[in-house]
Structures are given as structure tokens and as C-alpha cells.
Amino acid sequence: KKLDPLEEPKKVVEKLEQWMPLICEYEVDPIFSIVVTHVGSAVYAQPTSQEMSLLQATSDPLVYKINADKTIEFVKDENGVVSRLIFHNTGNQKVAYKKIKR
């Protein structure tokens, strides 16, 4: 099903401060990135030239589920600031994206 960002999605996060540090663009190379954004109380990820995906909160505030096979994990640096995103796909494939702008 195609997601419509204008529809009111199910609530996936409870507190603004939980996901605001995650909102920005993460880059794997100069031609491919993932933009993490929000519409109301829902958080979305949109890879370059692809549709937005609703991120579902998990028990870990830095891990979000896209579907049964895909998750996004946000990683903090030594100062406690989110600095990158790791995309986990089926078969234990992992791709790291560096935070490039807010």
C-alpha cells in the first residue's frame, strides 16, 4: 500500500523529543541518501527516488521497524549525538549512512 503523508497515520512515537534528534538526511554516497522526516506524530524514511515508509517504534528508542524484514537503527557518537543510521535488511545485510544535514 502506498503511504499518503497527508493521511493521519497511526501514532508511532509518544514524545517529540524522542524522534526530533533523528530527523535529518543520512548519506551512504553522494547519489543515495535516506531522509528521515515526520508528519504529525508519525516518523517516515524516504530513500532517494523511492516512496516514504512509515517507521514503527520498537522497545528501543533508536530502532525503528519498516516491516518484518527491514529495520533502521540510529547510532550515537561518543558525545551522545545521533551521527549515523544503519539500515538492516533480510539476510543480515547492513548499510551505514552518515548524518549529513538537519
C-alpha atoms as a PDB file:
ATOM      1  CA  LYS A   1       0.000   0.000   0.000  1.00  0.00           C
ATOM      2  CA  LYS A   2       1.311   3.427  -0.932  1.00  0.00           C
ATOM      3  CA  LEU A   3       1.589   5.743   2.062  1.00  0.00           C
ATOM      4  CA  ASP A   4      -0.105   9.101   1.847  1.00  0.00           C
ATOM      5  CA  PRO A   5       1.686  11.576   4.147  1.00  0.00           C
ATOM      6  CA  LEU A   6      -1.477  13.697   4.285  1.00  0.00           C
ATOM      7  CA  GLU A   7      -3.491  10.873   5.858  1.00  0.00           C
ATOM      8  CA  GLU A   8      -3.356  10.688   9.636  1.00  0.00           C
ATOM      9  CA  PRO A   9      -1.136   7.648  10.238  1.00  0.00           C
ATOM     10  CA  LYS A  10      -1.172   5.574  13.377  1.00  0.00           C
ATOM     11  CA  LYS A  11       0.778   7.116  16.197  1.00  0.00           C
ATOM     12  CA  VAL A  12       4.240   5.597  16.340  1.00  0.00           C
ATOM     13  CA  VAL A  13       6.044   7.816  18.837  1.00  0.00           C
ATOM     14  CA  GLU A  14       4.795   9.349  22.034  1.00  0.00           C
ATOM     15  CA  LYS A  15       7.135  12.264  22.668  1.00  0.00           C
ATOM     16  CA  LEU A  16       8.547  14.883  20.314  1.00  0.00           C
ATOM     17  CA  GLU A  17      11.950  14.830  21.991  1.00  0.00           C
ATOM     18  CA  GLN A  18      12.236  11.082  21.277  1.00  0.00           C
ATOM     19  CA  TRP A  19      12.449  11.473  17.491  1.00  0.00           C
ATOM     20  CA  MET A  20      13.499  15.064  16.788  1.00  0.00           C
ATOM     21  CA  PRO A  21      17.243  14.216  17.070  1.00  0.00           C
ATOM     22  CA  LEU A  22      16.693  11.589  14.327  1.00  0.00           C
ATOM     23  CA  ILE A  23      15.130  13.970  11.772  1.00  0.00           C
ATOM     24  CA  CYS A  24      17.632  14.766   9.020  1.00  0.00           C
ATOM     25  CA  GLU A  25      19.301  13.336   5.934  1.00  0.00           C
ATOM     26  CA  TYR A  26      21.678  10.371   6.081  1.00  0.00           C
ATOM     27  CA  GLU A  27      24.012   9.673   3.162  1.00  0.00           C
ATOM     28  CA  VAL A  28      25.677   6.441   2.022  1.00  0.00           C
ATOM     29  CA  ASP A  29      27.257   8.132  -1.024  1.00  0.00           C
ATOM     30  CA  PRO A  30      26.725  11.410  -2.921  1.00  0.00           C
ATOM     31  CA  ILE A  31      23.900   9.983  -5.039  1.00  0.00           C
ATOM     32  CA  PHE A  32      21.960   7.970  -2.440  1.00  0.00           C
ATOM     33  CA  SER A  33      20.603   9.032   0.912  1.00  0.00           C
ATOM     34  CA  ILE A  34      17.706   8.431   3.289  1.00  0.00           C
ATOM     35  CA  VAL A  35      15.706  11.400   4.549  1.00  0.00           C
ATOM     36  CA  VAL A  36      14.034  10.873   7.927  1.00  0.00           C
ATOM     37  CA  THR A  37      11.105  13.208   8.498  1.00  0.00           C
ATOM     38  CA  HIS A  38       7.794  13.377  10.338  1.00  0.00           C
ATOM     39  CA  VAL A  39       4.166  14.166   9.665  1.00  0.00           C
ATOM     40  CA  GLY A  40       2.348  14.854  12.894  1.00  0.00           C
ATOM     41  CA  SER A  41       3.220  12.059  15.305  1.00  0.00           C
ATOM     42  CA  ALA A  42       4.480   9.654  12.625  1.00  0.00           C
ATOM     43  CA  VAL A  43       8.112   9.231  11.550  1.00  0.00           C
ATOM     44  CA  TYR A  44       8.969   8.348   7.944  1.00  0.00           C
ATOM     45  CA  ALA A  45      12.080   7.340   5.997  1.00  0.00           C
ATOM     46  CA  GLN A  46      12.441   8.105   2.297  1.00  0.00           C
ATOM     47  CA  PRO A  47      15.381   6.741   0.304  1.00  0.00           C
ATOM     48  CA  THR A  48      16.424   8.616  -2.840  1.00  0.00           C
ATOM     49  CA  SER A  49      13.861   8.107  -5.654  1.00  0.00           C
ATOM     50  CA  GLN A  50      11.666   5.823  -3.518  1.00  0.00           C
ATOM     51  CA  GLU A  51       8.399   6.131  -1.612  1.00  0.00           C
ATOM     52  CA  MET A  52       8.226   7.122   2.042  1.00  0.00           C
ATOM     53  CA  SER A  53       7.950   4.303   4.585  1.00  0.00           C
ATOM     54  CA  LEU A  54       6.286   4.651   7.956  1.00  0.00           C
ATOM     55  CA  LEU A  55       8.720   3.826  10.775  1.00  0.00           C
ATOM     56  CA  GLN A  56       7.221   1.847  13.646  1.00  0.00           C
ATOM     57  CA  ALA A  57       8.665   2.400  17.097  1.00  0.00           C
ATOM     58  CA  THR A  58      10.150  -0.566  18.970  1.00  0.00           C
ATOM     59  CA  SER A  59      11.109  -1.004  22.613  1.00  0.00           C
ATOM     60  CA  ASP A  60      14.496   0.537  21.738  1.00  0.00           C
ATOM     61  CA  PRO A  61      14.134   4.306  21.098  1.00  0.00           C
ATOM     62  CA  LEU A  62      16.925   4.139  18.486  1.00  0.00           C
ATOM     63  CA  VAL A  63      15.488   1.226  16.455  1.00  0.00           C
ATOM     64  CA  TYR A  64      12.510   1.558  14.124  1.00  0.00           C
ATOM     65  CA  LYS A  65      10.806  -1.159  12.111  1.00  0.00           C
ATOM     66  CA  ILE A  66       9.801  -0.643   8.458  1.00  0.00           C
ATOM     67  CA  ASN A  67       8.361  -4.155   8.015  1.00  0.00           C
ATOM     68  CA  ALA A  68       9.135  -7.719   9.124  1.00  0.00           C
ATOM     69  CA  ASP A  69      12.390  -7.762   7.133  1.00  0.00           C
ATOM     70  CA  LYS A  70      13.707  -4.208   7.449  1.00  0.00           C
ATOM     71  CA  THR A  71      14.729  -2.012  10.369  1.00  0.00           C
ATOM     72  CA  ILE A  72      16.558   1.248  10.810  1.00  0.00           C
ATOM     73  CA  GLU A  73      18.907   1.719  13.740  1.00  0.00           C
ATOM     74  CA  PHE A  74      20.173   5.161  14.744  1.00  0.00           C
ATOM     75  CA  VAL A  75      23.679   5.265  16.237  1.00  0.00           C
ATOM     76  CA  LYS A  76      25.020   7.881  18.636  1.00  0.00           C
ATOM     77  CA  ASP A  77      28.605   9.125  18.682  1.00  0.00           C
ATOM     78  CA  GLU A  78      30.796   9.401  21.786  1.00  0.00           C
ATOM     79  CA  ASN A  79      29.015  12.672  22.709  1.00  0.00           C
ATOM     80  CA  GLY A  80      25.574  11.055  22.673  1.00  0.00           C
ATOM     81  CA  VAL A  81      24.536  12.742  19.407  1.00  0.00           C
ATOM     82  CA  VAL A  82      22.916  10.693  16.623  1.00  0.00           C
ATOM     83  CA  SER A  83      25.568  10.562  13.897  1.00  0.00           C
ATOM     84  CA  ARG A  84      24.518   7.763  11.569  1.00  0.00           C
ATOM     85  CA  LEU A  85      21.816   5.346  10.588  1.00  0.00           C
ATOM     86  CA  ILE A  86      22.202   1.631   9.901  1.00  0.00           C
ATOM     87  CA  PHE A  87      19.699   0.026   7.540  1.00  0.00           C
ATOM     88  CA  HIS A  88      19.171  -3.675   8.343  1.00  0.00           C
ATOM     89  CA  ASN A  89      17.698  -5.842   5.583  1.00  0.00           C
ATOM     90  CA  THR A  90      16.833  -9.530   5.246  1.00  0.00           C
ATOM     91  CA  GLY A  91      19.838 -11.825   5.310  1.00  0.00           C
ATOM     92  CA  ASN A  92      21.759  -9.661   7.791  1.00  0.00           C
ATOM     93  CA  GLN A  93      22.643  -7.074   5.145  1.00  0.00           C
ATOM     94  CA  LYS A  94      23.633  -3.790   6.781  1.00  0.00           C
ATOM     95  CA  VAL A  95      24.349  -0.433   5.194  1.00  0.00           C
ATOM     96  CA  ALA A  96      25.584   2.540   7.228  1.00  0.00           C
ATOM     97  CA  TYR A  97      24.555   6.101   6.386  1.00  0.00           C
ATOM     98  CA  LYS A  98      26.331   9.184   7.763  1.00  0.00           C
ATOM     99  CA  LYS A  99      24.197  12.047   9.079  1.00  0.00           C
ATOM    100  CA  ILE A 100      24.783  14.968   6.692  1.00  0.00           C
ATOM    101  CA  LYS A 101      22.234  17.672   7.484  1.00  0.00           C
ATOM    102  CA  ARG A 102      19.366  18.511   9.756  1.00  0.00           C
END
